[in-house]
Amino acid sequence: MDTNVAASQPKAETGVPVPDRRRVYAYLYTLNAGESVPIPEGTNRRSLRASVTYVQKTYGKRFTIRNVGGSCRVWRLS
């Protein structure tokens, strides 16, 4: 029987506030129709696509993501 199991259990704490939700791609919410924004090199494309899909479904906005030259851009269509 391992006696160190109880020592490795984390302690429960109360009174710790929950942080606000972080919006990684906050600019998706503020783009107007016809505007585009360059995506920084090294951005996780799956995460970006998931965020675009969420904003499209939740807020009814339309976007497209395209590779331009060696970089990527997001356009707001409507």
Protein backbone atom coordinates (compact mmCIF):
# COMPACT_ATOMS: atom_id res chain seq x y z
CA MET A 1 0.00 0.00 0.00
CA ASP A 2 1.35 3.41 -1.02
CA THR A 3 1.24 5.92 1.84
CA ASN A 4 2.26 8.86 -0.41
CA VAL A 5 -1.04 8.86 -2.32
CA ALA A 6 -2.77 11.12 0.22
CA ALA A 7 0.17 13.53 0.20
CA SER A 8 -0.01 13.93 -3.59
CA GLN A 9 -3.74 14.82 -3.66
CA PRO A 10 -4.41 18.52 -4.37
CA LYS A 11 -6.15 20.56 -1.68
CA ALA A 12 -9.59 21.97 -2.43
CA GLU A 13 -9.80 25.76 -2.20
CA THR A 14 -12.75 28.11 -1.90
CA GLY A 15 -13.06 31.78 -2.76
CA VAL A 16 -10.94 31.61 -5.94
CA PRO A 17 -12.70 33.67 -8.66
CA VAL A 18 -13.28 32.16 -12.10
CA PRO A 19 -11.37 34.15 -14.76
CA ASP A 20 -13.21 35.68 -17.72
CA ARG A 21 -13.32 33.69 -20.96
CA ARG A 22 -10.40 34.45 -23.22
CA ARG A 23 -11.16 35.22 -26.84
CA VAL A 24 -8.12 34.21 -28.81
CA TYR A 25 -9.46 35.61 -32.09
CA ALA A 26 -11.38 38.59 -30.70
CA TYR A 27 -10.97 40.51 -33.98
CA LEU A 28 -13.48 38.14 -35.62
CA TYR A 29 -16.23 39.82 -33.60
CA THR A 30 -15.26 43.34 -34.70
CA LEU A 31 -14.58 42.87 -38.44
CA ASN A 32 -17.05 44.61 -40.73
CA ALA A 33 -18.22 43.16 -44.05
CA GLY A 34 -15.52 43.55 -46.69
CA GLU A 35 -12.66 43.87 -44.19
CA SER A 36 -9.84 41.37 -43.84
CA VAL A 37 -7.11 40.70 -41.34
CA PRO A 38 -3.74 38.96 -41.79
CA ILE A 39 -3.18 35.91 -39.63
CA PRO A 40 0.18 35.79 -37.83
CA GLU A 41 2.69 33.13 -38.85
CA GLY A 42 2.48 30.04 -36.66
CA THR A 43 -1.23 30.39 -35.87
CA ASN A 44 -3.01 27.09 -35.28
CA ARG A 45 -5.24 26.84 -38.37
CA ARG A 46 -7.62 24.30 -36.81
CA SER A 47 -8.23 26.58 -33.85
CA LEU A 48 -8.78 29.53 -36.19
CA ARG A 49 -11.24 27.54 -38.34
CA ALA A 50 -13.12 26.41 -35.21
CA SER A 51 -13.42 30.02 -34.00
CA VAL A 52 -14.61 31.20 -37.42
CA THR A 53 -17.21 28.43 -37.52
CA TYR A 54 -18.42 29.33 -34.02
CA VAL A 55 -18.83 33.03 -34.88
CA GLN A 56 -20.60 32.14 -38.13
CA LYS A 57 -23.10 29.83 -36.43
CA THR A 58 -23.66 31.95 -33.33
CA TYR A 59 -23.80 35.44 -34.84
CA GLY A 60 -24.75 34.75 -38.45
CA LYS A 61 -21.59 36.35 -39.84
CA ARG A 62 -19.86 34.86 -42.90
CA PHE A 63 -16.09 34.53 -43.30
CA THR A 64 -13.58 32.98 -45.64
CA ILE A 65 -9.96 32.03 -44.98
CA ARG A 66 -7.49 32.10 -47.85
CA ASN A 67 -3.76 31.67 -48.34
CA VAL A 68 -2.29 34.74 -50.02
CA GLY A 69 1.34 34.46 -51.05
CA GLY A 70 3.05 32.83 -48.10
CA SER A 71 0.57 34.07 -45.49
CA CYS A 72 -3.07 33.61 -44.54
CA ARG A 73 -5.95 36.13 -44.29
CA VAL A 74 -9.51 36.06 -42.98
CA TRP A 75 -12.18 38.07 -44.80
CA ARG A 76 -15.58 38.97 -43.40
CA LEU A 77 -18.09 38.46 -46.21
CA SER A 78 -21.34 39.56 -44.54
